[in-house]
N, C-alpha and C. Protein backbone atom coordinates (compact mmCIF):
# COMPACT_ATOMS: atom_id res chain seq x y z
N UNK A 1 -1.23 -11.87 5.26
CA UNK A 1 -0.35 -12.55 4.34
C UNK A 1 0.89 -11.68 4.13
N UNK A 2 2.03 -12.30 4.20
CA UNK A 2 3.28 -11.59 3.97
C UNK A 2 3.68 -11.71 2.50
N UNK A 3 4.70 -10.96 2.14
CA UNK A 3 5.19 -10.98 0.76
C UNK A 3 5.69 -12.37 0.39
N UNK A 4 6.41 -13.03 1.30
CA UNK A 4 6.92 -14.37 1.00
C UNK A 4 5.78 -15.39 0.88
N UNK A 5 4.71 -15.23 1.67
CA UNK A 5 3.55 -16.10 1.55
C UNK A 5 2.84 -15.88 0.21
N UNK A 6 2.79 -14.63 -0.24
CA UNK A 6 2.19 -14.32 -1.54
C UNK A 6 2.98 -14.97 -2.67
N UNK A 7 4.30 -14.92 -2.59
CA UNK A 7 5.16 -15.55 -3.59
C UNK A 7 4.95 -17.05 -3.57
N UNK A 8 4.89 -17.63 -2.38
CA UNK A 8 4.67 -19.07 -2.24
C UNK A 8 3.34 -19.49 -2.85
N UNK A 9 2.28 -18.73 -2.57
CA UNK A 9 0.97 -19.05 -3.11
C UNK A 9 0.95 -18.92 -4.63
N UNK A 10 1.62 -17.91 -5.15
CA UNK A 10 1.68 -17.70 -6.60
C UNK A 10 2.36 -18.88 -7.29
N UNK A 11 3.44 -19.38 -6.71
CA UNK A 11 4.15 -20.51 -7.33
C UNK A 11 3.38 -21.81 -7.16
N UNK A 12 2.68 -22.00 -6.04
CA UNK A 12 1.93 -23.24 -5.81
C UNK A 12 0.70 -23.34 -6.69
N UNK A 13 -0.06 -22.25 -6.79
CA UNK A 13 -1.32 -22.28 -7.52
C UNK A 13 -1.14 -22.19 -9.03
N UNK A 14 -0.09 -21.52 -9.47
CA UNK A 14 0.16 -21.34 -10.90
C UNK A 14 1.57 -21.84 -11.19
N UNK A 15 1.69 -23.08 -11.58
CA UNK A 15 2.99 -23.71 -11.77
C UNK A 15 3.82 -23.13 -12.90
N UNK A 16 3.41 -21.99 -13.44
CA UNK A 16 4.12 -21.39 -14.57
C UNK A 16 5.45 -20.78 -14.12
N UNK A 17 5.46 -20.17 -12.93
CA UNK A 17 6.64 -19.46 -12.44
C UNK A 17 7.32 -20.23 -11.31
N UNK A 18 8.65 -20.10 -11.25
CA UNK A 18 9.35 -20.61 -10.07
C UNK A 18 9.40 -19.49 -9.03
N UNK A 19 9.95 -19.76 -7.86
CA UNK A 19 9.93 -18.76 -6.77
C UNK A 19 10.69 -17.49 -7.13
N UNK A 20 11.82 -17.64 -7.79
CA UNK A 20 12.63 -16.47 -8.16
C UNK A 20 11.87 -15.57 -9.14
N UNK A 21 11.24 -16.17 -10.13
CA UNK A 21 10.48 -15.40 -11.11
C UNK A 21 9.26 -14.73 -10.46
N UNK A 22 8.59 -15.46 -9.57
CA UNK A 22 7.42 -14.90 -8.86
C UNK A 22 7.85 -13.71 -8.00
N UNK A 23 9.00 -13.83 -7.36
CA UNK A 23 9.51 -12.72 -6.53
C UNK A 23 9.80 -11.50 -7.39
N UNK A 24 10.36 -11.70 -8.57
CA UNK A 24 10.65 -10.59 -9.48
C UNK A 24 9.35 -9.91 -9.90
N UNK A 25 8.33 -10.69 -10.23
CA UNK A 25 7.03 -10.14 -10.63
C UNK A 25 6.42 -9.31 -9.50
N UNK A 26 6.41 -9.86 -8.29
CA UNK A 26 5.84 -9.16 -7.13
C UNK A 26 6.62 -7.87 -6.86
N UNK A 27 7.94 -7.94 -6.93
CA UNK A 27 8.77 -6.74 -6.70
C UNK A 27 8.51 -5.67 -7.77
N UNK A 28 8.31 -6.09 -9.01
CA UNK A 28 8.01 -5.13 -10.09
C UNK A 28 6.67 -4.44 -9.84
N UNK A 29 5.67 -5.21 -9.43
CA UNK A 29 4.35 -4.63 -9.17
C UNK A 29 4.42 -3.63 -8.02
N UNK A 30 4.99 -4.06 -6.89
CA UNK A 30 5.08 -3.17 -5.73
C UNK A 30 5.98 -1.97 -6.01
N UNK A 31 7.06 -2.21 -6.75
CA UNK A 31 7.96 -1.12 -7.12
C UNK A 31 7.28 -0.09 -8.01
N UNK A 32 6.47 -0.57 -8.94
CA UNK A 32 5.73 0.34 -9.82
C UNK A 32 4.74 1.18 -9.05
N UNK A 33 4.04 0.56 -8.11
CA UNK A 33 3.09 1.31 -7.27
C UNK A 33 3.83 2.34 -6.44
N UNK A 34 4.94 1.94 -5.82
CA UNK A 34 5.74 2.86 -4.99
C UNK A 34 6.28 4.04 -5.80
N UNK A 35 6.78 3.76 -6.99
CA UNK A 35 7.32 4.82 -7.84
C UNK A 35 6.24 5.80 -8.25
N UNK A 36 5.09 5.28 -8.64
CA UNK A 36 3.98 6.15 -9.05
C UNK A 36 3.53 7.04 -7.89
N UNK A 37 3.42 6.47 -6.71
CA UNK A 37 2.99 7.27 -5.55
C UNK A 37 4.03 8.32 -5.17
N UNK A 38 5.31 7.96 -5.27
CA UNK A 38 6.35 8.93 -4.93
C UNK A 38 6.39 10.10 -5.91
N UNK A 39 5.88 9.89 -7.13
CA UNK A 39 5.81 10.96 -8.12
C UNK A 39 4.48 11.71 -8.04
N UNK A 40 3.64 11.33 -7.08
CA UNK A 40 2.37 12.02 -6.88
C UNK A 40 1.23 11.49 -7.73
N UNK A 41 1.45 10.39 -8.43
CA UNK A 41 0.41 9.80 -9.27
C UNK A 41 -0.54 8.94 -8.44
N UNK A 42 -1.64 8.58 -9.06
CA UNK A 42 -2.64 7.71 -8.45
C UNK A 42 -2.59 6.38 -9.17
N UNK A 43 -2.73 5.28 -8.42
CA UNK A 43 -2.70 3.94 -9.01
C UNK A 43 -4.05 3.29 -8.75
N UNK A 44 -4.71 2.83 -9.82
CA UNK A 44 -6.01 2.19 -9.68
C UNK A 44 -5.95 0.78 -10.24
N UNK A 45 -6.36 -0.18 -9.43
CA UNK A 45 -6.45 -1.57 -9.86
C UNK A 45 -7.93 -1.93 -9.81
N UNK A 46 -8.56 -2.05 -10.97
CA UNK A 46 -10.00 -2.27 -11.05
C UNK A 46 -10.41 -3.50 -10.25
N UNK A 47 -11.46 -3.36 -9.46
CA UNK A 47 -11.98 -4.45 -8.66
C UNK A 47 -11.24 -4.64 -7.34
N UNK A 48 -10.09 -4.02 -7.18
CA UNK A 48 -9.30 -4.16 -5.96
C UNK A 48 -9.32 -2.87 -5.15
N UNK A 49 -8.89 -1.77 -5.78
CA UNK A 49 -8.87 -0.49 -5.08
C UNK A 49 -7.92 0.49 -5.74
N UNK A 50 -7.75 1.63 -5.08
CA UNK A 50 -6.86 2.64 -5.63
C UNK A 50 -5.94 3.18 -4.54
N UNK A 51 -4.72 3.47 -4.95
CA UNK A 51 -3.71 4.05 -4.07
C UNK A 51 -3.53 5.50 -4.48
N UNK A 52 -3.44 6.39 -3.51
CA UNK A 52 -3.18 7.79 -3.80
C UNK A 52 -2.35 8.38 -2.66
N UNK A 53 -1.95 9.62 -2.85
CA UNK A 53 -1.16 10.33 -1.83
C UNK A 53 -2.02 11.47 -1.31
N UNK A 54 -2.09 11.58 0.01
CA UNK A 54 -2.84 12.67 0.63
C UNK A 54 -1.90 13.56 1.42
N UNK A 55 -2.22 14.85 1.40
CA UNK A 55 -1.43 15.84 2.13
C UNK A 55 -2.04 16.01 3.52
N UNK A 56 -1.24 15.82 4.56
CA UNK A 56 -1.69 16.05 5.93
C UNK A 56 -1.18 17.42 6.37
N UNK A 57 -2.06 18.22 6.93
CA UNK A 57 -1.69 19.56 7.36
C UNK A 57 -0.80 19.53 8.60
N UNK A 58 -0.06 20.62 8.79
CA UNK A 58 0.74 20.77 10.00
C UNK A 58 -0.22 20.91 11.18
N UNK A 59 0.22 20.43 12.34
CA UNK A 59 -0.64 20.51 13.51
C UNK A 59 0.20 20.50 14.78
N UNK A 60 -0.46 20.79 15.87
CA UNK A 60 0.20 20.72 17.17
C UNK A 60 -0.31 19.50 17.91
N UNK A 61 0.59 18.84 18.63
CA UNK A 61 0.22 17.67 19.42
C UNK A 61 0.92 17.78 20.77
N UNK A 62 0.56 16.91 21.66
CA UNK A 62 1.19 16.90 22.98
C UNK A 62 2.06 15.67 23.14
N UNK A 63 3.22 15.88 23.73
CA UNK A 63 4.09 14.78 24.10
C UNK A 63 3.42 14.08 25.29
N UNK A 64 3.05 12.81 25.18
CA UNK A 64 2.33 12.17 26.27
C UNK A 64 3.13 12.04 27.56
N UNK A 65 4.44 12.00 27.43
CA UNK A 65 5.27 11.83 28.63
C UNK A 65 5.42 13.14 29.40
N UNK A 66 5.72 14.24 28.69
CA UNK A 66 5.97 15.52 29.35
C UNK A 66 4.77 16.46 29.31
N UNK A 67 3.86 16.24 28.36
CA UNK A 67 2.70 17.11 28.23
C UNK A 67 2.98 18.39 27.46
N UNK A 68 4.20 18.59 26.98
CA UNK A 68 4.52 19.82 26.25
C UNK A 68 4.03 19.75 24.81
N UNK A 69 3.73 20.92 24.24
CA UNK A 69 3.26 21.00 22.86
C UNK A 69 4.40 20.72 21.89
N UNK A 70 4.08 19.96 20.86
CA UNK A 70 5.05 19.61 19.83
C UNK A 70 4.45 19.98 18.48
N UNK A 71 5.23 20.65 17.64
CA UNK A 71 4.78 21.04 16.31
C UNK A 71 5.06 19.89 15.34
N UNK A 72 4.03 19.41 14.66
CA UNK A 72 4.18 18.35 13.67
C UNK A 72 4.03 18.99 12.29
N UNK A 73 5.06 18.90 11.46
CA UNK A 73 5.00 19.55 10.14
C UNK A 73 4.03 18.83 9.20
N UNK A 74 3.64 19.51 8.12
CA UNK A 74 2.78 18.87 7.13
C UNK A 74 3.58 17.80 6.41
N UNK A 75 2.86 16.80 5.92
CA UNK A 75 3.54 15.71 5.22
C UNK A 75 2.56 15.01 4.29
N UNK A 76 3.12 14.23 3.40
CA UNK A 76 2.32 13.44 2.48
C UNK A 76 2.29 12.00 2.99
N UNK A 77 1.14 11.36 2.85
CA UNK A 77 1.00 9.99 3.31
C UNK A 77 0.22 9.17 2.28
N UNK A 78 0.60 7.89 2.10
CA UNK A 78 -0.15 7.06 1.15
C UNK A 78 -1.53 6.71 1.70
N UNK A 79 -2.49 6.55 0.80
CA UNK A 79 -3.86 6.25 1.18
C UNK A 79 -4.40 5.18 0.23
N UNK A 80 -5.12 4.21 0.78
CA UNK A 80 -5.71 3.14 -0.03
C UNK A 80 -7.23 3.16 0.15
N UNK A 81 -7.94 3.16 -0.96
CA UNK A 81 -9.40 3.08 -0.94
C UNK A 81 -9.81 1.80 -1.64
N UNK A 82 -10.56 0.96 -0.94
CA UNK A 82 -10.95 -0.32 -1.51
C UNK A 82 -11.95 -0.14 -2.64
N UNK A 83 -11.89 -1.06 -3.58
CA UNK A 83 -12.85 -1.07 -4.68
C UNK A 83 -14.13 -1.77 -4.27
N UNK A 84 -15.17 -1.57 -5.02
CA UNK A 84 -16.49 -2.12 -4.70
C UNK A 84 -16.46 -3.66 -4.64
N UNK A 85 -15.82 -4.29 -5.63
CA UNK A 85 -15.77 -5.75 -5.66
C UNK A 85 -15.04 -6.32 -4.45
N UNK A 86 -13.94 -5.69 -4.03
CA UNK A 86 -13.19 -6.16 -2.86
C UNK A 86 -14.02 -5.99 -1.60
N UNK A 87 -14.69 -4.86 -1.46
CA UNK A 87 -15.55 -4.64 -0.29
C UNK A 87 -16.64 -5.70 -0.21
N UNK A 88 -17.25 -6.03 -1.35
CA UNK A 88 -18.32 -7.03 -1.37
C UNK A 88 -17.78 -8.42 -1.03
N UNK A 89 -16.58 -8.76 -1.51
CA UNK A 89 -15.99 -10.07 -1.19
C UNK A 89 -15.66 -10.19 0.29
N UNK A 90 -15.11 -9.12 0.86
CA UNK A 90 -14.75 -9.15 2.28
C UNK A 90 -16.00 -9.19 3.15
N UNK A 91 -17.02 -8.46 2.75
CA UNK A 91 -18.26 -8.39 3.52
C UNK A 91 -19.02 -9.71 3.48
N UNK A 92 -18.80 -10.47 2.43
CA UNK A 92 -19.43 -11.79 2.33
C UNK A 92 -20.77 -11.72 1.73
C-alpha cells in the first residue's frame, strides 16, 4: 500500500475527513515518527510495533565489479520491530 492509497482508504472508510485533511494527518504522523527517530528517540505504537535507530559498525566490503576492498563507515539506520498483535494478524 502506498501513501496515496492509505489516504484514499482513510477518506473512503471514514467519511469524516476529506482527502486534503487525511493527507495532513498522515504527513503529521509520519513526520512525527521521522523527527523522533532523527533525534535518537524510540517510537512505540501499541499493537503495531516500534521504531528505533540502530548503530551499524564500520566494516570492510568488496566492490563486486573490481574486487577491491572498500571501507564502509559506521552509520545509524532505522529499525522496525513488529508488535505481537500485528504478528498474530499477519500469521493468521
